[in-house]
C-alpha atoms as a PDB file:
ATOM      1  CA  MET A   1     -25.660   3.768   5.631  1.00  0.00           C
ATOM      2  CA  GLY A   2     -23.948   0.438   4.950  1.00  0.00           C
ATOM      3  CA  ALA A   3     -20.325  -0.457   5.423  1.00  0.00           C
ATOM      4  CA  SER A   4     -17.871   1.197   3.064  1.00  0.00           C
ATOM      5  CA  GLY A   5     -16.403  -0.887   0.242  1.00  0.00           C
ATOM      6  CA  VAL A   6     -12.600  -1.047   0.100  1.00  0.00           C
ATOM      7  CA  LEU A   7     -10.565  -2.495  -2.760  1.00  0.00           C
ATOM      8  CA  VAL A   8      -7.097  -3.885  -2.017  1.00  0.00           C
ATOM      9  CA  THR A   9      -4.866  -4.113  -5.079  1.00  0.00           C
ATOM     10  CA  ARG A  10      -1.737  -5.862  -3.787  1.00  0.00           C
ATOM     11  CA  PRO A  11      -0.378  -8.790  -5.840  1.00  0.00           C
ATOM     12  CA  GLU A  12      -1.739 -12.293  -5.314  1.00  0.00           C
ATOM     13  CA  GLY A  13      -0.483 -13.842  -2.085  1.00  0.00           C
ATOM     14  CA  GLN A  14       0.417 -10.493  -0.485  1.00  0.00           C
ATOM     15  CA  ALA A  15      -2.928  -9.045   0.498  1.00  0.00           C
ATOM     16  CA  GLN A  16      -4.336 -11.375   3.165  1.00  0.00           C
ATOM     17  CA  ALA A  17      -3.054  -9.557   6.258  1.00  0.00           C
ATOM     18  CA  LEU A  18      -4.315  -6.201   4.993  1.00  0.00           C
ATOM     19  CA  CYS A  19      -7.683  -7.631   3.952  1.00  0.00           C
ATOM     20  CA  THR A  20      -8.114  -9.274   7.355  1.00  0.00           C
ATOM     21  CA  ALA A  21      -7.335  -6.021   9.195  1.00  0.00           C
ATOM     22  CA  LEU A  22      -9.902  -4.180   7.063  1.00  0.00           C
ATOM     23  CA  GLN A  23     -12.552  -6.842   7.636  1.00  0.00           C
ATOM     24  CA  GLN A  24     -11.970  -6.550  11.379  1.00  0.00           C
ATOM     25  CA  ARG A  25     -12.910  -2.870  11.022  1.00  0.00           C
ATOM     26  CA  GLY A  26     -16.314  -3.905   9.685  1.00  0.00           C
ATOM     27  CA  LEU A  27     -15.616  -2.881   6.091  1.00  0.00           C
ATOM     28  CA  ARG A  28     -16.648  -4.651   2.895  1.00  0.00           C
ATOM     29  CA  VAL A  29     -13.316  -5.794   1.482  1.00  0.00           C
ATOM     30  CA  TYR A  30     -12.469  -6.902  -2.040  1.00  0.00           C
ATOM     31  CA  HIS A  31      -9.157  -7.896  -3.613  1.00  0.00           C
ATOM     32  CA  GLN A  32      -8.163  -7.307  -7.229  1.00  0.00           C
ATOM     33  CA  PRO A  33      -4.438  -7.489  -8.003  1.00  0.00           C
ATOM     34  CA  LEU A  34      -3.141  -4.983 -10.527  1.00  0.00           C
ATOM     35  CA  ILE A  35       0.343  -6.497 -10.878  1.00  0.00           C
ATOM     36  CA  GLU A  36       1.389 -10.107 -11.391  1.00  0.00           C
ATOM     37  CA  LEU A  37       4.811 -11.149 -10.096  1.00  0.00           C
ATOM     38  CA  GLN A  38       6.816 -13.860 -11.826  1.00  0.00           C
ATOM     39  CA  PRO A  39      10.260 -15.267 -11.000  1.00  0.00           C
ATOM     40  CA  LEU A  40      12.835 -15.144 -13.761  1.00  0.00           C
ATOM     41  CA  PRO A  41      13.565 -18.653 -15.080  1.00  0.00           C
ATOM     42  CA  ASP A  42      17.276 -17.966 -14.841  1.00  0.00           C
ATOM     43  CA  LEU A  43      19.573 -15.078 -14.018  1.00  0.00           C
ATOM     44  CA  GLU A  44      21.179 -13.153 -16.835  1.00  0.00           C
ATOM     45  CA  PRO A  45      25.006 -13.415 -16.879  1.00  0.00           C
ATOM     46  CA  THR A  46      25.468  -9.896 -15.493  1.00  0.00           C
ATOM     47  CA  ALA A  47      23.014 -10.628 -12.662  1.00  0.00           C
ATOM     48  CA  ARG A  48      24.733 -13.911 -11.867  1.00  0.00           C
ATOM     49  CA  GLN A  49      28.030 -12.051 -11.619  1.00  0.00           C
ATOM     50  CA  CYS A  50      26.469  -9.636  -9.125  1.00  0.00           C
ATOM     51  CA  VAL A  51      25.546 -12.605  -6.943  1.00  0.00           C
ATOM     52  CA  LEU A  52      29.059 -14.040  -7.166  1.00  0.00           C
ATOM     53  CA  ASP A  53      30.538 -10.630  -6.321  1.00  0.00           C
ATOM     54  CA  LEU A  54      28.308 -10.047  -3.296  1.00  0.00           C
ATOM     55  CA  ASP A  55      31.289  -9.661  -0.956  1.00  0.00           C
ATOM     56  CA  LEU A  56      32.703  -6.836  -3.095  1.00  0.00           C
ATOM     57  CA  TYR A  57      29.803  -4.455  -2.395  1.00  0.00           C
ATOM     58  CA  GLN A  58      29.847  -1.970   0.465  1.00  0.00           C
ATOM     59  CA  HIS A  59      26.071  -1.487   0.210  1.00  0.00           C
ATOM     60  CA  VAL A  60      23.306  -3.961  -0.735  1.00  0.00           C
ATOM     61  CA  ILE A  61      19.772  -2.572  -0.923  1.00  0.00           C
ATOM     62  CA  PHE A  62      16.530  -4.568  -1.149  1.00  0.00           C
ATOM     63  CA  ILE A  63      13.785  -2.321  -2.446  1.00  0.00           C
ATOM     64  CA  SER A  64      10.864  -4.544  -1.420  1.00  0.00           C
ATOM     65  CA  GLY A  65       9.785  -7.743   0.226  1.00  0.00           C
ATOM     66  CA  ASN A  66       9.389  -9.166  -3.270  1.00  0.00           C
ATOM     67  CA  ALA A  67      13.071  -8.513  -3.898  1.00  0.00           C
ATOM     68  CA  VAL A  68      13.911 -10.591  -0.814  1.00  0.00           C
ATOM     69  CA  ARG A  69      11.490 -13.351  -1.751  1.00  0.00           C
ATOM     70  CA  PHE A  70      12.764 -13.801  -5.302  1.00  0.00           C
ATOM     71  CA  ALA A  71      16.466 -13.078  -4.733  1.00  0.00           C
ATOM     72  CA  MET A  72      17.108 -15.293  -1.732  1.00  0.00           C
ATOM     73  CA  PRO A  73      17.061 -18.632  -3.591  1.00  0.00           C
ATOM     74  CA  TRP A  74      19.860 -17.310  -5.794  1.00  0.00           C
ATOM     75  CA  LEU A  75      21.847 -15.637  -3.035  1.00  0.00           C
ATOM     76  CA  GLU A  76      21.648 -18.574  -0.653  1.00  0.00           C
ATOM     77  CA  ARG A  77      22.725 -20.951  -3.405  1.00  0.00           C
ATOM     78  CA  TYR A  78      26.083 -19.197  -3.676  1.00  0.00           C
ATOM     79  CA  TRP A  79      26.428 -17.795  -0.144  1.00  0.00           C
ATOM     80  CA  PRO A  80      25.708 -20.337   2.612  1.00  0.00           C
ATOM     81  CA  GLN A  81      27.212 -17.701   4.958  1.00  0.00           C
ATOM     82  CA  TRP A  82      26.699 -14.009   4.351  1.00  0.00           C
ATOM     83  CA  PRO A  83      29.881 -12.072   3.565  1.00  0.00           C
ATOM     84  CA  LEU A  84      31.335  -9.757   6.190  1.00  0.00           C
ATOM     85  CA  GLY A  85      31.719  -6.028   5.694  1.00  0.00           C
ATOM     86  CA  VAL A  86      28.505  -5.514   3.729  1.00  0.00           C
ATOM     87  CA  ASN A  87      26.015  -2.841   4.808  1.00  0.00           C
ATOM     88  CA  TRP A  88      22.500  -4.182   4.212  1.00  0.00           C
ATOM     89  CA  TYR A  89      19.455  -1.956   3.684  1.00  0.00           C
ATOM     90  CA  ALA A  90      15.694  -2.410   3.394  1.00  0.00           C
ATOM     91  CA  VAL A  91      13.334   0.237   2.074  1.00  0.00           C
ATOM     92  CA  GLY A  92      10.520  -0.823   4.420  1.00  0.00           C
ATOM     93  CA  SER A  93       9.960  -2.552   7.748  1.00  0.00           C
ATOM     94  CA  GLY A  94       8.305  -5.578   6.124  1.00  0.00           C
ATOM     95  CA  THR A  95      11.318  -6.023   3.865  1.00  0.00           C
ATOM     96  CA  ALA A  96      13.628  -5.755   6.893  1.00  0.00           C
ATOM     97  CA  SER A  97      11.600  -8.428   8.695  1.00  0.00           C
ATOM     98  CA  GLN A  98      11.973 -10.825   5.766  1.00  0.00           C
ATOM     99  CA  LEU A  99      15.719 -10.192   5.676  1.00  0.00           C
ATOM    100  CA  ARG A 100      15.925 -10.811   9.424  1.00  0.00           C
ATOM    101  CA  ASP A 101      14.323 -14.212   8.852  1.00  0.00           C
ATOM    102  CA  CYS A 102      17.232 -14.918   6.482  1.00  0.00           C
ATOM    103  CA  GLY A 103      19.845 -13.893   9.035  1.00  0.00           C
ATOM    104  CA  ILE A 104      20.441 -10.373   7.722  1.00  0.00           C
ATOM    105  CA  VAL A 105      20.069  -7.267   9.879  1.00  0.00           C
ATOM    106  CA  ALA A 106      19.240  -4.365   7.578  1.00  0.00           C
ATOM    107  CA  GLN A 107      19.265  -0.626   8.108  1.00  0.00           C
ATOM    108  CA  LEU A 108      15.958   1.173   7.583  1.00  0.00           C
ATOM    109  CA  PRO A 109      15.027   4.721   6.634  1.00  0.00           C
ATOM    110  CA  GLY A 110      12.973   6.758   9.095  1.00  0.00           C
ATOM    111  CA  THR A 111       9.256   7.368   8.692  1.00  0.00           C
ATOM    112  CA  GLU A 112       9.694   8.020   4.957  1.00  0.00           C
ATOM    113  CA  MET A 113      10.008   4.373   3.941  1.00  0.00           C
ATOM    114  CA  ASN A 114      10.951   4.771   0.301  1.00  0.00           C
ATOM    115  CA  SER A 115      14.025   5.393  -1.819  1.00  0.00           C
ATOM    116  CA  GLU A 116      14.099   9.061  -0.880  1.00  0.00           C
ATOM    117  CA  GLY A 117      14.017   8.237   2.815  1.00  0.00           C
ATOM    118  CA  LEU A 118      16.704   5.605   2.424  1.00  0.00           C
ATOM    119  CA  LEU A 119      19.153   8.067   0.912  1.00  0.00           C
ATOM    120  CA  GLN A 120      18.845  10.300   3.964  1.00  0.00           C
ATOM    121  CA  LEU A 121      20.787   7.697   5.966  1.00  0.00           C
ATOM    122  CA  PRO A 122      24.265   9.040   6.841  1.00  0.00           C
ATOM    123  CA  ALA A 123      26.071   6.038   5.330  1.00  0.00           C
ATOM    124  CA  LEU A 124      24.552   6.728   1.909  1.00  0.00           C
ATOM    125  CA  ARG A 125      25.124  10.463   1.666  1.00  0.00           C
ATOM    126  CA  GLU A 126      28.694  10.359   0.370  1.00  0.00           C
ATOM    127  CA  LEU A 127      29.449   7.363  -1.855  1.00  0.00           C
ATOM    128  CA  GLY A 128      32.541   8.293  -3.837  1.00  0.00           C
ATOM    129  CA  GLY A 129      34.138   5.117  -5.232  1.00  0.00           C
ATOM    130  CA  GLN A 130      31.959   2.731  -3.201  1.00  0.00           C
ATOM    131  CA  ARG A 131      30.143  -0.182  -4.806  1.00  0.00           C
ATOM    132  CA  ALA A 132      26.402  -0.694  -4.306  1.00  0.00           C
ATOM    133  CA  LEU A 133      23.964  -3.386  -5.383  1.00  0.00           C
ATOM    134  CA  ILE A 134      20.226  -2.740  -5.718  1.00  0.00           C
ATOM    135  CA  VAL A 135      18.089  -5.894  -5.569  1.00  0.00           C
ATOM    136  CA  LYS A 136      14.822  -5.330  -7.392  1.00  0.00           C
ATOM    137  CA  GLY A 137      12.416  -6.434 -10.075  1.00  0.00           C
ATOM    138  CA  ARG A 138      13.067  -6.016 -13.769  1.00  0.00           C
ATOM    139  CA  GLY A 139      12.274  -2.511 -15.002  1.00  0.00           C
ATOM    140  CA  GLY A 140      10.573  -0.066 -12.683  1.00  0.00           C
ATOM    141  CA  ARG A 141      11.783   3.202 -11.282  1.00  0.00           C
ATOM    142  CA  GLU A 142      15.494   4.070 -11.669  1.00  0.00           C
ATOM    143  CA  TRP A 143      15.666   7.082  -9.373  1.00  0.00           C
ATOM    144  CA  LEU A 144      17.586   5.295  -6.608  1.00  0.00           C
ATOM    145  CA  ARG A 145      20.297   4.075  -8.972  1.00  0.00           C
ATOM    146  CA  ASP A 146      20.624   7.464 -10.638  1.00  0.00           C
ATOM    147  CA  GLU A 147      20.881   9.357  -7.364  1.00  0.00           C
ATOM    148  CA  MET A 148      23.457   6.962  -5.910  1.00  0.00           C
ATOM    149  CA  GLN A 149      25.545   7.308  -9.052  1.00  0.00           C
ATOM    150  CA  ARG A 150      25.293  11.075  -8.739  1.00  0.00           C
ATOM    151  CA  ARG A 151      26.726  10.706  -5.233  1.00  0.00           C
ATOM    152  CA  GLY A 152      29.712   8.833  -6.649  1.00  0.00           C
ATOM    153  CA  ALA A 153      28.768   5.165  -6.208  1.00  0.00           C
ATOM    154  CA  ARG A 154      29.399   2.366  -8.690  1.00  0.00           C
ATOM    155  CA  VAL A 155      25.917   0.864  -8.832  1.00  0.00           C
ATOM    156  CA  ASP A 156      24.834  -2.539 -10.136  1.00  0.00           C
ATOM    157  CA  GLN A 157      21.281  -3.866 -10.185  1.00  0.00           C
ATOM    158  CA  LEU A 158      20.179  -7.437  -9.545  1.00  0.00           C
ATOM    159  CA  ALA A 159      16.834  -8.014 -11.266  1.00  0.00           C
ATOM    160  CA  CYS A 160      15.393 -11.249  -9.870  1.00  0.00           C
ATOM    161  CA  TYR A 161      11.721 -11.127 -10.890  1.00  0.00           C
ATOM    162  CA  ARG A 162       9.419  -9.362 -13.285  1.00  0.00           C
ATOM    163  CA  ARG A 163       6.166  -7.465 -12.854  1.00  0.00           C
ATOM    164  CA  LEU A 164       3.406  -7.847 -15.406  1.00  0.00           C
ATOM    165  CA  PRO A 165       0.140  -5.920 -15.602  1.00  0.00           C
ATOM    166  CA  VAL A 166      -2.887  -8.029 -14.779  1.00  0.00           C
ATOM    167  CA  THR A 167      -5.032  -8.615 -17.864  1.00  0.00           C
ATOM    168  CA  LEU A 168      -8.838  -8.652 -17.772  1.00  0.00           C
ATOM    169  CA  PRO A 169     -11.511  -8.723 -20.499  1.00  0.00           C
ATOM    170  CA  ALA A 170     -12.727  -5.339 -21.735  1.00  0.00           C
ATOM    171  CA  GLY A 171     -15.168  -3.814 -19.259  1.00  0.00           C
ATOM    172  CA  ALA A 172     -14.435  -6.368 -16.514  1.00  0.00           C
ATOM    173  CA  MET A 173     -12.650  -3.963 -14.168  1.00  0.00           C
ATOM    174  CA  ALA A 174     -15.367  -1.329 -14.445  1.00  0.00           C
ATOM    175  CA  GLY A 175     -18.003  -3.995 -13.901  1.00  0.00           C
ATOM    176  CA  ARG A 176     -16.352  -5.222 -10.723  1.00  0.00           C
ATOM    177  CA  LEU A 177     -15.966  -1.711  -9.334  1.00  0.00           C
ATOM    178  CA  ALA A 178     -19.647  -1.013  -9.957  1.00  0.00           C
ATOM    179  CA  GLU A 179     -20.828  -4.351  -8.563  1.00  0.00           C
ATOM    180  CA  TRP A 180     -18.693  -4.029  -5.443  1.00  0.00           C
ATOM    181  CA  ARG A 181     -19.659  -0.362  -4.871  1.00  0.00           C
ATOM    182  CA  ILE A 182     -16.097   0.646  -4.010  1.00  0.00           C
ATOM    183  CA  ASP A 183     -15.682   3.747  -1.868  1.00  0.00           C
ATOM    184  CA  VAL A 184     -11.911   3.530  -1.295  1.00  0.00           C
ATOM    185  CA  LEU A 185      -9.117   2.123  -3.448  1.00  0.00           C
ATOM    186  CA  LEU A 186      -5.793   1.243  -1.811  1.00  0.00           C
ATOM    187  CA  ILE A 187      -2.981   1.665  -4.353  1.00  0.00           C
ATOM    188  CA  SER A 188       0.492   0.321  -3.553  1.00  0.00           C
ATOM    189  CA  SER A 189       2.518   1.885  -6.378  1.00  0.00           C
ATOM    190  CA  GLY A 190       2.464   4.189  -9.347  1.00  0.00           C
ATOM    191  CA  GLU A 191       2.774   1.170 -11.609  1.00  0.00           C
ATOM    192  CA  GLY A 192      -0.345  -0.334 -10.081  1.00  0.00           C
ATOM    193  CA  LEU A 193      -2.266   2.909 -10.592  1.00  0.00           C
ATOM    194  CA  GLY A 194      -1.188   3.014 -14.225  1.00  0.00           C
ATOM    195  CA  ASN A 195      -2.336  -0.570 -14.714  1.00  0.00           C
ATOM    196  CA  LEU A 196      -5.735   0.226 -13.164  1.00  0.00           C
ATOM    197  CA  LEU A 197      -6.305   3.151 -15.498  1.00  0.00           C
ATOM    198  CA  ALA A 198      -5.221   1.027 -18.467  1.00  0.00           C
ATOM    199  CA  LEU A 199      -7.956  -1.495 -17.587  1.00  0.00           C
ATOM    200  CA  LEU A 200     -10.599   1.243 -17.763  1.00  0.00           C
ATOM    201  CA  GLY A 201     -11.913   3.235 -20.684  1.00  0.00           C
ATOM    202  CA  ALA A 202     -12.058   7.032 -20.529  1.00  0.00           C
ATOM    203  CA  GLU A 203     -15.700   7.086 -19.422  1.00  0.00           C
ATOM    204  CA  GLU A 204     -15.073   4.304 -16.922  1.00  0.00           C
ATOM    205  CA  SER A 205     -12.109   6.192 -15.432  1.00  0.00           C
ATOM    206  CA  ALA A 206     -14.249   9.318 -15.089  1.00  0.00           C
ATOM    207  CA  GLN A 207     -16.585   7.370 -12.806  1.00  0.00           C
ATOM    208  CA  LEU A 208     -13.692   7.051 -10.337  1.00  0.00           C
ATOM    209  CA  TRP A 209     -13.247  10.790  -9.919  1.00  0.00           C
ATOM    210  CA  GLN A 210     -15.341  10.781  -6.747  1.00  0.00           C
ATOM    211  CA  THR A 211     -13.793   7.593  -5.358  1.00  0.00           C
ATOM    212  CA  THR A 212     -11.198   8.045  -2.613  1.00  0.00           C
ATOM    213  CA  PHE A 213      -7.718   6.779  -3.463  1.00  0.00           C
ATOM    214  CA  ILE A 214      -5.127   6.089  -0.781  1.00  0.00           C
ATOM    215  CA  VAL A 215      -1.647   6.091  -2.300  1.00  0.00           C
ATOM    216  CA  PRO A 216       1.828   5.481  -0.809  1.00  0.00           C
ATOM    217  CA  SER A 217       3.633   8.716  -1.737  1.00  0.00           C
ATOM    218  CA  GLN A 218       3.324  12.257  -3.019  1.00  0.00           C
ATOM    219  CA  ARG A 219       4.758  11.080  -6.337  1.00  0.00           C
ATOM    220  CA  VAL A 220       1.882   8.634  -6.849  1.00  0.00           C
ATOM    221  CA  ALA A 221      -0.589  11.266  -5.632  1.00  0.00           C
ATOM    222  CA  GLU A 222       0.595  13.615  -8.362  1.00  0.00           C
ATOM    223  CA  GLN A 223       0.182  10.832 -10.917  1.00  0.00           C
ATOM    224  CA  ALA A 224      -3.385  10.226  -9.687  1.00  0.00           C
ATOM    225  CA  ARG A 225      -4.335  13.892  -9.822  1.00  0.00           C
ATOM    226  CA  ALA A 226      -2.843  14.221 -13.300  1.00  0.00           C
ATOM    227  CA  ALA A 227      -5.215  11.422 -14.371  1.00  0.00           C
ATOM    228  CA  GLY A 228      -8.199  13.430 -13.104  1.00  0.00           C
ATOM    229  CA  LEU A 229      -8.700  11.669  -9.788  1.00  0.00           C
ATOM    230  CA  GLU A 230      -9.903  14.226  -7.270  1.00  0.00           C
ATOM    231  CA  ARG A 231     -10.036  12.475  -3.902  1.00  0.00           C
ATOM    232  CA  VAL A 232      -6.479  11.406  -3.189  1.00  0.00           C
ATOM    233  CA  ARG A 233      -4.995  10.790   0.247  1.00  0.00           C
ATOM    234  CA  VAL A 234      -1.332  10.069   0.867  1.00  0.00           C
ATOM    235  CA  ALA A 235      -0.265   7.361   3.331  1.00  0.00           C
ATOM    236  CA  ALA A 236       3.109   7.572   5.054  1.00  0.00           C
ATOM    237  CA  ASN A 237       4.338   4.684   2.880  1.00  0.00           C
ATOM    238  CA  ALA A 238       3.089   1.510   1.192  1.00  0.00           C
ATOM    239  CA  SER A 239       3.087  -0.713   4.302  1.00  0.00           C
ATOM    240  CA  ASP A 240      -0.094  -2.274   5.665  1.00  0.00           C
ATOM    241  CA  GLY A 241       0.145  -0.160   8.807  1.00  0.00           C
ATOM    242  CA  ALA A 242       0.481   3.106   6.919  1.00  0.00           C
ATOM    243  CA  MET A 243      -2.415   2.245   4.614  1.00  0.00           C
ATOM    244  CA  LEU A 244      -4.618   1.357   7.581  1.00  0.00           C
ATOM    245  CA  ASP A 245      -3.697   4.586   9.385  1.00  0.00           C
ATOM    246  CA  ALA A 246      -4.638   6.641   6.321  1.00  0.00           C
ATOM    247  CA  LEU A 247      -7.915   4.761   5.957  1.00  0.00           C
ATOM    248  CA  ASP A 248      -8.766   5.211   9.650  1.00  0.00           C
ATOM    249  CA  LEU A 249      -8.138   8.948   9.304  1.00  0.00           C
ATOM    250  CA  TRP A 250     -10.406   9.102   6.244  1.00  0.00           C
ATOM    251  CA  ARG A 251     -13.188   7.373   8.187  1.00  0.00           C
ATOM    252  CA  GLN A 252     -12.803   9.743  11.129  1.00  0.00           C
ATOM    253  CA  GLU A 253     -12.867  12.848   8.971  1.00  0.00           C
ATOM    254  CA  THR A 254     -15.717  11.793   6.701  1.00  0.00           C
ATOM    255  CA  GLY A 255     -17.833   9.838   9.160  1.00  0.00           C
ATOM    256  CA  GLU A 256     -17.877   6.845   6.807  1.00  0.00           C
ATOM    257  CA  ASN A 257     -18.562   3.420   8.277  1.00  0.00           C
END
């Protein structure tokens, strides 16, 4: 039995560490991004006002490392020193590390490194009258904003980049999966999973039903199962470490190389 084939689907420029760790495990590793990230050429007036008003927020939340990467040029342009009295938050440990490099110490959720885990923090449970800023990409999931508003917060959103689905010629994705003989697909988000399925025809998607998918949350697992995917494993979160832990467990339980 040869080495298992693993497909990493993180965006371009954000997969190298994970690919290297997989290669060190003796796996055949391939990389095919499902999402393309692009900076916005300029901030919309409402977004620019959010940057100018940074010191008026009690809570500022970065939902991803991408949010840090694309927002910092704008924030640092207007704030050579970070305002006092702001509570900073990062959804994941990688995001917190990037913020630390920028001189910001952010609070983290516990093991559930997602929006749901973040809102279990004591400081975010009761938000009546407080102002919050969510730094994110354009579009995407709105659950965090909606739940914070339900808890009484005045929530603004700073969209600083956009996500686009990767485009490939018809049949190209299916051809690559067949050529690479992929045993495990690592999916970072529900959006990425949707983009993958959109690149495949119905018959091509059916060929994935026996492929193992490792996904970052129960929400994405439900999306995968609703699409007919049968072998779905849930990592603790979308971080490299959590994905590797889930893959190691799969190898132990199945005896795959």
